[in-house]
Every structure is written in C-alpha cells, then in structure tokens.
Amino acid sequence: MGASFDFSAMDMTKIRWWCVVLLRNFPVKSREELQRERKRRRVEGIAAERADSGTVQPQ
C-alpha cells in the first residue's frame, strides 16, 4: 500500500462525510460486545463439535 496520499484541505469535508457514512453502516463495537461475540462463537463451535462427534443429539 505504499502509495502517497493525494488530497488537500478542500477534500476534508468529503473525507469526514465518508467517515460518518462508514461509521453509521459499520459501527465500531465495544470491547464487551466483541468479547460476547467471541464467547458466543466459541460456545457454538464447541456445540457443533459435540454434535458432529455424536456426544450430544441436535435439538
């Protein structure tokens, strides 16, 4: 990505607008939200492994 930046102070309003658009569409999750999500995926993965091995019957 070693390209140089090619924007001026005149472009800052457009850059700010794009930042707002991106943050609205892809909000930054809090540390707690990320931890809950990782835990949920881990638990689901363990449950899937158990279902695949036959130790737990799927509901």
PDB file of N, CA and C in Angstrom:
ATOM      1  N   MET A   1       0.821  -1.196   0.000  1.00  0.00           N
ATOM      2  CA  MET A   1       0.000   0.000   0.000  1.00  0.00           C
ATOM      3  C   MET A   1       0.855   1.247   0.000  1.00  0.00           C
ATOM      4  N   GLY A   2       2.041   1.221  -0.354  1.00  0.00           N
ATOM      5  CA  GLY A   2       2.972   2.316  -0.227  1.00  0.00           C
ATOM      6  C   GLY A   2       2.650   3.557  -1.039  1.00  0.00           C
ATOM      7  N   ALA A   3       1.420   3.744  -1.487  1.00  0.00           N
ATOM      8  CA  ALA A   3       1.058   4.927  -2.267  1.00  0.00           C
ATOM      9  C   ALA A   3       0.995   6.161  -1.370  1.00  0.00           C
ATOM     10  N   SER A   4       1.278   7.307  -1.959  1.00  0.00           N
ATOM     11  CA  SER A   4       1.194   8.552  -1.197  1.00  0.00           C
ATOM     12  C   SER A   4      -0.246   9.060  -1.214  1.00  0.00           C
ATOM     13  N   PHE A   5      -0.578   9.872  -0.229  1.00  0.00           N
ATOM     14  CA  PHE A   5      -1.916  10.446  -0.161  1.00  0.00           C
ATOM     15  C   PHE A   5      -2.020  11.594  -1.145  1.00  0.00           C
ATOM     16  N   ASP A   6      -3.161  11.688  -1.793  1.00  0.00           N
ATOM     17  CA  ASP A   6      -3.362  12.748  -2.774  1.00  0.00           C
ATOM     18  C   ASP A   6      -4.663  13.473  -2.456  1.00  0.00           C
ATOM     19  N   PHE A   7      -4.686  14.206  -1.337  1.00  0.00           N
ATOM     20  CA  PHE A   7      -5.854  15.008  -1.008  1.00  0.00           C
ATOM     21  C   PHE A   7      -5.395  16.297  -0.350  1.00  0.00           C
ATOM     22  N   SER A   8      -6.272  17.281  -0.405  1.00  0.00           N
ATOM     23  CA  SER A   8      -5.945  18.593   0.152  1.00  0.00           C
ATOM     24  C   SER A   8      -6.957  18.953   1.234  1.00  0.00           C
ATOM     25  N   ALA A   9      -6.777  20.112   1.825  1.00  0.00           N
ATOM     26  CA  ALA A   9      -7.702  20.595   2.853  1.00  0.00           C
ATOM     27  C   ALA A   9      -9.103  20.750   2.280  1.00  0.00           C
ATOM     28  N   MET A  10      -9.205  21.007   0.995  1.00  0.00           N
ATOM     29  CA  MET A  10     -10.511  21.152   0.347  1.00  0.00           C
ATOM     30  C   MET A  10     -11.287  19.828   0.356  1.00  0.00           C
ATOM     31  N   ASP A  11     -10.572  18.723   0.409  1.00  0.00           N
ATOM     32  CA  ASP A  11     -11.208  17.407   0.380  1.00  0.00           C
ATOM     33  C   ASP A  11     -11.682  16.939   1.753  1.00  0.00           C
ATOM     34  N   MET A  12     -11.334  17.646   2.808  1.00  0.00           N
ATOM     35  CA  MET A  12     -11.627  17.181   4.161  1.00  0.00           C
ATOM     36  C   MET A  12     -13.122  17.021   4.425  1.00  0.00           C
ATOM     37  N   THR A  13     -13.964  17.873   3.873  1.00  0.00           N
ATOM     38  CA  THR A  13     -15.405  17.728   4.118  1.00  0.00           C
ATOM     39  C   THR A  13     -15.925  16.415   3.535  1.00  0.00           C
ATOM     40  N   LYS A  14     -15.438  16.059   2.350  1.00  0.00           N
ATOM     41  CA  LYS A  14     -15.852  14.781   1.747  1.00  0.00           C
ATOM     42  C   LYS A  14     -15.312  13.600   2.548  1.00  0.00           C
ATOM     43  N   ILE A  15     -14.087  13.710   3.014  1.00  0.00           N
ATOM     44  CA  ILE A  15     -13.494  12.628   3.807  1.00  0.00           C
ATOM     45  C   ILE A  15     -14.264  12.457   5.107  1.00  0.00           C
ATOM     46  N   ARG A  16     -14.602  13.554   5.768  1.00  0.00           N
ATOM     47  CA  ARG A  16     -15.389  13.480   7.006  1.00  0.00           C
ATOM     48  C   ARG A  16     -16.753  12.850   6.739  1.00  0.00           C
ATOM     49  N   TRP A  17     -17.385  13.251   5.627  1.00  0.00           N
ATOM     50  CA  TRP A  17     -18.690  12.697   5.278  1.00  0.00           C
ATOM     51  C   TRP A  17     -18.585  11.181   5.096  1.00  0.00           C
ATOM     52  N   TRP A  18     -17.558  10.721   4.369  1.00  0.00           N
ATOM     53  CA  TRP A  18     -17.377   9.288   4.164  1.00  0.00           C
ATOM     54  C   TRP A  18     -17.125   8.572   5.490  1.00  0.00           C
ATOM     55  N   CYS A  19     -16.385   9.196   6.384  1.00  0.00           N
ATOM     56  CA  CYS A  19     -16.153   8.592   7.706  1.00  0.00           C
ATOM     57  C   CYS A  19     -17.471   8.397   8.441  1.00  0.00           C
ATOM     58  N   VAL A  20     -18.331   9.399   8.404  1.00  0.00           N
ATOM     59  CA  VAL A  20     -19.636   9.298   9.069  1.00  0.00           C
ATOM     60  C   VAL A  20     -20.469   8.194   8.429  1.00  0.00           C
ATOM     61  N   VAL A  21     -20.490   8.142   7.115  1.00  0.00           N
ATOM     62  CA  VAL A  21     -21.250   7.104   6.408  1.00  0.00           C
ATOM     63  C   VAL A  21     -20.748   5.718   6.806  1.00  0.00           C
ATOM     64  N   LEU A  22     -19.443   5.532   6.821  1.00  0.00           N
ATOM     65  CA  LEU A  22     -18.879   4.229   7.170  1.00  0.00           C
ATOM     66  C   LEU A  22     -19.177   3.858   8.616  1.00  0.00           C
ATOM     67  N   LEU A  23     -19.056   4.817   9.533  1.00  0.00           N
ATOM     68  CA  LEU A  23     -19.322   4.524  10.942  1.00  0.00           C
ATOM     69  C   LEU A  23     -20.792   4.225  11.196  1.00  0.00           C
ATOM     70  N   ARG A  24     -21.679   4.835  10.439  1.00  0.00           N
ATOM     71  CA  ARG A  24     -23.108   4.527  10.586  1.00  0.00           C
ATOM     72  C   ARG A  24     -23.430   3.133  10.063  1.00  0.00           C
ATOM     73  N   ASN A  25     -22.807   2.766   8.958  1.00  0.00           N
ATOM     74  CA  ASN A  25     -23.088   1.468   8.343  1.00  0.00           C
ATOM     75  C   ASN A  25     -22.305   0.322   8.976  1.00  0.00           C
ATOM     76  N   PHE A  26     -21.147   0.625   9.530  1.00  0.00           N
ATOM     77  CA  PHE A  26     -20.287  -0.386  10.148  1.00  0.00           C
ATOM     78  C   PHE A  26     -19.825   0.132  11.504  1.00  0.00           C
ATOM     79  N   PRO A  27     -20.729   0.162  12.486  1.00  0.00           N
ATOM     80  CA  PRO A  27     -20.376   0.748  13.780  1.00  0.00           C
ATOM     81  C   PRO A  27     -19.256  -0.025  14.476  1.00  0.00           C
ATOM     82  N   VAL A  28     -18.452   0.712  15.211  1.00  0.00           N
ATOM     83  CA  VAL A  28     -17.361   0.119  15.973  1.00  0.00           C
ATOM     84  C   VAL A  28     -17.953  -0.501  17.230  1.00  0.00           C
ATOM     85  N   LYS A  29     -17.666  -1.770  17.446  1.00  0.00           N
ATOM     86  CA  LYS A  29     -18.207  -2.466  18.608  1.00  0.00           C
ATOM     87  C   LYS A  29     -17.319  -2.205  19.823  1.00  0.00           C
ATOM     88  N   SER A  30     -17.957  -2.201  20.978  1.00  0.00           N
ATOM     89  CA  SER A  30     -17.204  -2.019  22.218  1.00  0.00           C
ATOM     90  C   SER A  30     -16.426  -3.294  22.527  1.00  0.00           C
ATOM     91  N   ARG A  31     -15.484  -3.190  23.426  1.00  0.00           N
ATOM     92  CA  ARG A  31     -14.692  -4.347  23.832  1.00  0.00           C
ATOM     93  C   ARG A  31     -15.598  -5.444  24.404  1.00  0.00           C
ATOM     94  N   GLU A  32     -16.606  -5.033  25.175  1.00  0.00           N
ATOM     95  CA  GLU A  32     -17.529  -6.005  25.762  1.00  0.00           C
ATOM     96  C   GLU A  32     -18.328  -6.731  24.683  1.00  0.00           C
ATOM     97  N   GLU A  33     -18.784  -5.981  23.672  1.00  0.00           N
ATOM     98  CA  GLU A  33     -19.534  -6.610  22.576  1.00  0.00           C
ATOM     99  C   GLU A  33     -18.664  -7.619  21.829  1.00  0.00           C
ATOM    100  N   LEU A  34     -17.411  -7.256  21.587  1.00  0.00           N
ATOM    101  CA  LEU A  34     -16.500  -8.164  20.895  1.00  0.00           C
ATOM    102  C   LEU A  34     -16.243  -9.420  21.718  1.00  0.00           C
ATOM    103  N   GLN A  35     -16.077  -9.256  23.040  1.00  0.00           N
ATOM    104  CA  GLN A  35     -15.856 -10.414  23.907  1.00  0.00           C
ATOM    105  C   GLN A  35     -17.070 -11.330  23.925  1.00  0.00           C
ATOM    106  N   ARG A  36     -18.290 -10.750  24.008  1.00  0.00           N
ATOM    107  CA  ARG A  36     -19.511 -11.563  23.985  1.00  0.00           C
ATOM    108  C   ARG A  36     -19.632 -12.330  22.671  1.00  0.00           C
ATOM    109  N   GLU A  37     -19.293 -11.653  21.576  1.00  0.00           N
ATOM    110  CA  GLU A  37     -19.379 -12.284  20.262  1.00  0.00           C
ATOM    111  C   GLU A  37     -18.391 -13.449  20.147  1.00  0.00           C
ATOM    112  N   ARG A  38     -17.153 -13.238  20.623  1.00  0.00           N
ATOM    113  CA  ARG A  38     -16.157 -14.314  20.593  1.00  0.00           C
ATOM    114  C   ARG A  38     -16.600 -15.496  21.448  1.00  0.00           C
ATOM    115  N   LYS A  39     -17.149 -15.203  22.632  1.00  0.00           N
ATOM    116  CA  LYS A  39     -17.613 -16.272  23.520  1.00  0.00           C
ATOM    117  C   LYS A  39     -18.749 -17.050  22.866  1.00  0.00           C
ATOM    118  N   ARG A  40     -19.705 -16.336  22.239  1.00  0.00           N
ATOM    119  CA  ARG A  40     -20.830 -16.992  21.577  1.00  0.00           C
ATOM    120  C   ARG A  40     -20.337 -17.910  20.462  1.00  0.00           C
ATOM    121  N   ARG A  41     -19.378 -17.417  19.654  1.00  0.00           N
ATOM    122  CA  ARG A  41     -18.838 -18.243  18.569  1.00  0.00           C
ATOM    123  C   ARG A  41     -18.103 -19.463  19.116  1.00  0.00           C
ATOM    124  N   ARG A  42     -17.367 -19.270  20.215  1.00  0.00           N
ATOM    125  CA  ARG A  42     -16.640 -20.379  20.822  1.00  0.00           C
ATOM    126  C   ARG A  42     -17.617 -21.442  21.332  1.00  0.00           C
ATOM    127  N   VAL A  43     -18.676 -21.006  22.017  1.00  0.00           N
ATOM    128  CA  VAL A  43     -19.680 -21.937  22.544  1.00  0.00           C
ATOM    129  C   VAL A  43     -20.385 -22.657  21.398  1.00  0.00           C
ATOM    130  N   GLU A  44     -20.735 -21.925  20.342  1.00  0.00           N
ATOM    131  CA  GLU A  44     -21.385 -22.555  19.190  1.00  0.00           C
ATOM    132  C   GLU A  44     -20.455 -23.569  18.531  1.00  0.00           C
ATOM    133  N   GLY A  45     -19.166 -23.248  18.465  1.00  0.00           N
ATOM    134  CA  GLY A  45     -18.192 -24.166  17.870  1.00  0.00           C
ATOM    135  C   GLY A  45     -18.067 -25.444  18.673  1.00  0.00           C
ATOM    136  N   ILE A  46     -18.042 -25.313  19.999  1.00  0.00           N
ATOM    137  CA  ILE A  46     -17.961 -26.489  20.869  1.00  0.00           C
ATOM    138  C   ILE A  46     -19.213 -27.342  20.710  1.00  0.00           C
ATOM    139  N   ALA A  47     -20.381 -26.700  20.666  1.00  0.00           N
ATOM    140  CA  ALA A  47     -21.638 -27.436  20.497  1.00  0.00           C
ATOM    141  C   ALA A  47     -21.658 -28.157  19.151  1.00  0.00           C
ATOM    142  N   ALA A  48     -21.155 -27.512  18.111  1.00  0.00           N
ATOM    143  CA  ALA A  48     -21.123 -28.134  16.785  1.00  0.00           C
ATOM    144  C   ALA A  48     -20.180 -29.334  16.778  1.00  0.00           C
ATOM    145  N   GLU A  49     -19.034 -29.207  17.455  1.00  0.00           N
ATOM    146  CA  GLU A  49     -18.095 -30.331  17.531  1.00  0.00           C
ATOM    147  C   GLU A  49     -18.729 -31.513  18.253  1.00  0.00           C
ATOM    148  N   ARG A  50     -19.446 -31.233  19.336  1.00  0.00           N
ATOM    149  CA  ARG A  50     -20.097 -32.312  20.083  1.00  0.00           C
ATOM    150  C   ARG A  50     -21.186 -32.975  19.245  1.00  0.00           C
ATOM    151  N   ALA A  51     -21.933 -32.170  18.500  1.00  0.00           N
ATOM    152  CA  ALA A  51     -22.988 -32.725  17.647  1.00  0.00           C
ATOM    153  C   ALA A  51     -22.373 -33.598  16.554  1.00  0.00           C
ATOM    154  N   ASP A  52     -21.230 -33.145  16.003  1.00  0.00           N
ATOM    155  CA  ASP A  52     -20.559 -33.924  14.958  1.00  0.00           C
ATOM    156  C   ASP A  52     -20.014 -35.241  15.495  1.00  0.00           C
ATOM    157  N   SER A  53     -19.553 -35.226  16.750  1.00  0.00           N
ATOM    158  CA  SER A  53     -18.967 -36.446  17.312  1.00  0.00           C
ATOM    159  C   SER A  53     -20.027 -37.393  17.857  1.00  0.00           C
ATOM    160  N   GLY A  54     -21.276 -36.903  17.959  1.00  0.00           N
ATOM    161  CA  GLY A  54     -22.368 -37.751  18.410  1.00  0.00           C
ATOM    162  C   GLY A  54     -22.563 -37.772  19.907  1.00  0.00           C
ATOM    163  N   THR A  55     -21.819 -36.952  20.654  1.00  0.00           N
ATOM    164  CA  THR A  55     -21.987 -36.956  22.108  1.00  0.00           C
ATOM    165  C   THR A  55     -23.243 -36.222  22.532  1.00  0.00           C
ATOM    166  N   VAL A  56     -23.702 -35.297  21.715  1.00  0.00           N
ATOM    167  CA  VAL A  56     -24.927 -34.550  22.014  1.00  0.00           C
ATOM    168  C   VAL A  56     -25.816 -34.618  20.786  1.00  0.00           C
ATOM    169  N   GLN A  57     -27.055 -34.955  20.997  1.00  0.00           N
ATOM    170  CA  GLN A  57     -28.001 -35.009  19.884  1.00  0.00           C
ATOM    171  C   GLN A  57     -28.509 -33.606  19.584  1.00  0.00           C
ATOM    172  N   PRO A  58     -28.545 -33.197  18.316  1.00  0.00           N
ATOM    173  CA  PRO A  58     -29.083 -31.871  17.966  1.00  0.00           C
ATOM    174  C   PRO A  58     -30.559 -31.779  18.316  1.00  0.00           C
ATOM    175  N   GLN A  59     -30.997 -30.601  18.680  1.00  0.00           N
ATOM    176  CA  GLN A  59     -32.396 -30.390  19.078  1.00  0.00           C
ATOM    177  C   GLN A  59     -33.239 -29.990  17.902  1.00  0.00           C
TER     178      GLN A  59
END
